[in-house]
Amino acid sequence: MDIRENADSVRLVNGTSLCSGRLEVKSKHSNHSNQWWSSVCEDDFDQQDAEVVCRELGCGAPSVLQGVLYGEVEAPMWTKEFQCGGHESALLDCRSSGSDRNTCSPGKAVGLTCSGRRGLVGGDSRCAGILEVKQGDWKPVHGYGWTLKEVSVACRELDCGSAVSVGQREESSSRSVWLIYSDCVQSGSALRECLTWYSSSSIQYLT
């Protein structure tokens, strides 16, 4: 499962890239052990809401907003309609309707594709360059023990097909990066589930 997730409140699941999928919202409660992810009904979501989600996830602007693309509504379901102005920095900052929705037609879960911010930067094309991942802030990745097998996972998440090459680029000074171990990627986890903060002058260059 490819998942693009904000550490706080929203994620896109079952998509074909980091910035697409079925929208899920985390229900916030005072008891953090009782938090869960809820699907959103398409009838309660519009273009302005989509703009906020894509911005919150660091994924640019929305390009496709269509239900059923990434699976039907799964329980539990978000029960209120979002009423975003489009300028908010997070979906849960938007106003919501006072009344609760109790049902949602099959196939009517919000499916969202954002235009995307490149996960590969500084290369000759969209699918070449230094791998960066957003978790709060965008940081480059140091792939510990990576081979073409792990790189292929990253390329699929970025909707870039098969991997051709991988290499390390050394910088003159250390900076904050994400460390991703090869065994986590091999386990089938999405890249964002494998992030560890690290300081290094070595970063991953992919094509």
Protein backbone atom coordinates (compact mmCIF):
# COMPACT_ATOMS: atom_id res chain seq x y z
CA MET A 1 0.00 0.00 0.00
CA ASP A 2 1.42 3.39 -1.00
CA ILE A 3 0.66 5.97 1.64
CA ARG A 4 1.32 9.68 1.63
CA GLU A 5 0.71 10.87 5.18
CA ASN A 6 0.92 14.07 7.19
CA ALA A 7 2.18 13.38 10.72
CA ASP A 8 -0.97 14.97 12.14
CA SER A 9 -4.20 14.53 10.33
CA VAL A 10 -4.55 13.40 6.69
CA ARG A 11 -3.26 10.71 4.34
CA LEU A 12 -3.80 9.32 0.84
CA VAL A 13 -3.92 5.51 0.58
CA ASN A 14 -3.91 2.93 -2.25
CA GLY A 15 -2.71 5.48 -4.80
CA THR A 16 -0.30 5.02 -7.69
CA SER A 17 2.15 7.64 -6.40
CA LEU A 18 3.00 9.57 -3.25
CA CYS A 19 0.47 12.28 -4.02
CA SER A 20 -2.62 10.27 -4.97
CA GLY A 21 -5.08 7.96 -3.27
CA ARG A 22 -8.22 7.63 -1.21
CA LEU A 23 -8.41 10.37 1.40
CA GLU A 24 -8.46 9.41 5.07
CA VAL A 25 -8.63 11.78 8.04
CA LYS A 26 -7.42 11.01 11.54
CA SER A 27 -10.08 11.48 14.21
CA LYS A 28 -8.62 13.46 17.10
CA HIS A 29 -9.57 12.65 20.65
CA SER A 30 -8.20 13.64 24.02
CA ASN A 31 -7.31 10.00 24.56
CA HIS A 32 -4.62 9.49 21.92
CA SER A 33 -4.88 5.71 22.13
CA ASN A 34 -8.37 5.96 20.61
CA GLN A 35 -7.40 7.75 17.39
CA TRP A 36 -8.38 6.13 14.08
CA TRP A 37 -8.44 6.90 10.36
CA SER A 38 -11.78 7.66 8.67
CA SER A 39 -12.78 7.70 5.00
CA VAL A 40 -14.40 10.85 3.62
CA CYS A 41 -17.58 10.85 1.51
CA GLU A 42 -17.24 12.53 -1.89
CA ASP A 43 -20.48 14.47 -1.36
CA ASP A 44 -18.87 16.28 1.59
CA PHE A 45 -15.73 17.38 -0.27
CA ASP A 46 -15.05 19.96 -3.01
CA GLN A 47 -12.19 21.58 -4.93
CA GLN A 48 -11.34 24.06 -2.16
CA ASP A 49 -11.09 21.20 0.34
CA ALA A 50 -8.80 19.37 -2.10
CA GLU A 51 -6.52 22.41 -2.38
CA VAL A 52 -6.01 22.36 1.37
CA VAL A 53 -5.23 18.61 1.46
CA CYS A 54 -2.68 18.78 -1.37
CA ARG A 55 -1.01 21.79 0.26
CA GLU A 56 -0.95 20.10 3.68
CA LEU A 57 0.76 17.05 2.19
CA GLY A 58 3.32 19.12 0.28
CA CYS A 59 1.89 17.82 -3.00
CA GLY A 60 1.22 20.99 -4.96
CA ALA A 61 -2.25 21.65 -6.35
CA PRO A 62 -5.10 19.16 -6.92
CA SER A 63 -5.34 17.79 -10.45
CA VAL A 64 -8.05 15.09 -10.17
CA LEU A 65 -10.88 14.86 -7.65
CA GLN A 66 -12.96 11.79 -8.29
CA GLY A 67 -14.57 9.09 -6.19
CA VAL A 68 -14.13 5.31 -6.63
CA LEU A 69 -10.62 5.60 -8.14
CA TYR A 70 -8.94 4.27 -5.02
CA GLY A 71 -11.56 2.07 -3.43
CA GLU A 72 -14.96 2.45 -1.83
CA VAL A 73 -15.71 4.11 1.48
CA GLU A 74 -14.31 2.06 4.33
CA ALA A 75 -15.57 2.26 7.89
CA PRO A 76 -15.23 4.26 9.99
CA MET A 77 -16.50 7.23 7.99
CA TRP A 78 -15.90 10.94 8.60
CA THR A 79 -19.33 12.27 9.53
CA LYS A 80 -19.13 16.02 8.85
CA GLU A 81 -18.84 18.05 5.64
CA PHE A 82 -15.64 20.08 5.26
CA GLN A 83 -16.18 23.76 4.43
CA CYS A 84 -12.72 25.02 3.50
CA GLY A 85 -12.03 28.42 2.01
CA GLY A 86 -9.01 27.00 0.19
CA HIS A 87 -6.42 29.09 2.08
CA GLU A 88 -6.13 26.95 5.22
CA SER A 89 -2.84 25.16 5.95
CA ALA A 90 -4.51 21.96 7.22
CA LEU A 91 -7.81 20.22 6.51
CA LEU A 92 -8.79 20.06 10.17
CA ASP A 93 -8.39 23.86 10.38
CA CYS A 94 -11.39 24.21 8.05
CA ARG A 95 -14.91 24.82 9.28
CA SER A 96 -17.21 21.80 9.16
CA SER A 97 -20.96 21.30 9.03
CA GLY A 98 -22.89 21.05 12.23
CA SER A 99 -24.91 18.00 11.21
CA ASP A 100 -23.52 14.47 10.96
CA ARG A 101 -23.77 12.20 7.92
CA ASN A 102 -24.74 8.63 8.70
CA THR A 103 -24.53 7.01 5.26
CA CYS A 104 -22.44 7.33 2.11
CA SER A 105 -23.13 5.61 -1.21
CA PRO A 106 -20.76 2.79 -2.26
CA GLY A 107 -17.91 4.00 -4.45
CA LYS A 108 -18.23 7.54 -3.14
CA ALA A 109 -15.03 7.82 -1.10
CA VAL A 110 -12.94 10.88 -1.95
CA GLY A 111 -10.24 9.96 -4.48
CA LEU A 112 -7.64 12.68 -4.89
CA THR A 113 -4.62 13.18 -7.15
CA CYS A 114 -2.40 16.18 -6.54
CA SER A 115 -0.06 17.63 -9.15
CA GLY A 116 2.83 16.64 -6.91
CA ARG A 117 6.07 18.17 -5.74
CA ARG A 118 8.96 16.26 -7.17
CA GLY A 119 10.49 13.70 -4.84
CA LEU A 120 13.61 13.75 -7.02
CA VAL A 121 15.36 17.11 -7.31
CA GLY A 122 18.39 18.41 -9.18
CA GLY A 123 18.25 15.83 -11.97
CA ASP A 124 17.89 16.06 -15.73
CA SER A 125 14.25 14.92 -15.62
CA ARG A 126 11.31 14.42 -13.25
CA CYS A 127 12.51 10.87 -12.58
CA ALA A 128 16.18 11.56 -11.86
CA GLY A 129 17.90 13.34 -9.02
CA ILE A 130 18.38 13.44 -5.27
CA LEU A 131 15.61 11.61 -3.44
CA GLU A 132 13.70 13.78 -0.97
CA VAL A 133 10.80 12.80 1.31
CA LYS A 134 8.45 15.09 3.25
CA GLN A 135 7.67 14.37 6.88
CA GLY A 136 7.03 17.81 8.32
CA ASP A 137 9.85 19.24 6.18
CA TRP A 138 11.39 18.03 2.94
CA LYS A 139 14.76 16.36 3.55
CA PRO A 140 17.06 14.32 1.31
CA VAL A 141 17.39 10.57 1.89
CA HIS A 142 20.44 8.52 2.77
CA GLY A 143 19.57 4.97 1.73
CA TYR A 144 21.60 2.64 3.95
CA GLY A 145 22.49 -0.55 2.09
CA TRP A 146 20.30 0.31 -0.90
CA THR A 147 20.52 -1.61 -4.18
CA LEU A 148 18.41 -1.32 -7.32
CA LYS A 149 15.75 -3.38 -5.51
CA GLU A 150 15.12 -0.64 -2.94
CA VAL A 151 15.44 2.08 -5.56
CA SER A 152 12.74 0.36 -7.62
CA VAL A 153 10.35 0.77 -4.66
CA ALA A 154 11.09 4.51 -4.57
CA CYS A 155 10.62 4.81 -8.33
CA ARG A 156 7.23 3.09 -8.14
CA GLU A 157 6.09 5.42 -5.34
CA LEU A 158 7.12 8.40 -7.48
CA ASP A 159 5.31 6.95 -10.51
CA CYS A 160 8.62 6.75 -12.38
CA GLY A 161 8.68 3.16 -13.61
CA SER A 162 11.74 0.94 -13.11
CA ALA A 163 15.03 1.97 -11.56
CA VAL A 164 18.09 2.32 -13.78
CA SER A 165 20.84 3.38 -11.37
CA VAL A 166 21.54 4.42 -7.80
CA GLY A 167 24.49 6.24 -6.32
CA GLN A 168 25.65 8.29 -3.35
CA ARG A 169 26.47 11.96 -3.70
CA GLU A 170 28.89 13.35 -1.13
CA GLU A 171 28.50 16.92 0.09
CA SER A 172 31.10 19.16 1.70
CA SER A 173 29.30 19.30 5.04
CA SER A 174 26.77 17.23 6.99
CA ARG A 175 23.09 18.18 7.10
CA SER A 176 19.87 16.72 8.43
CA VAL A 177 18.64 13.86 6.24
CA TRP A 178 16.28 10.89 6.40
CA LEU A 179 17.98 7.54 6.91
CA ILE A 180 16.09 4.60 5.35
CA TYR A 181 17.38 1.08 5.94
CA SER A 182 17.09 -1.39 3.09
CA ASP A 183 15.39 -4.08 5.22
CA CYS A 184 12.46 -1.73 6.01
CA VAL A 185 11.88 -1.08 2.31
CA GLN A 186 12.18 -4.80 1.53
CA SER A 187 9.47 -5.54 4.11
CA GLY A 188 6.94 -3.82 1.85
CA SER A 189 6.61 -0.64 3.91
CA ALA A 190 6.17 2.71 2.16
CA LEU A 191 9.20 5.00 2.26
CA ARG A 192 7.50 7.36 4.71
CA GLU A 193 7.06 4.50 7.19
CA CYS A 194 10.82 3.86 7.19
CA LEU A 195 12.17 7.33 8.01
CA THR A 196 14.77 7.88 10.73
CA TRP A 197 16.32 11.30 11.39
CA TYR A 198 20.05 11.35 10.69
CA SER A 199 22.93 13.75 10.03
CA SER A 200 25.05 12.89 7.01
CA SER A 201 26.97 14.36 4.07
CA SER A 202 25.95 11.40 1.88
CA ILE A 203 22.62 11.52 0.00
CA GLN A 204 20.86 9.23 -2.49
CA TYR A 205 20.89 9.98 -6.21
CA LEU A 206 18.43 7.95 -8.30
CA THR A 207 17.51 7.49 -11.95
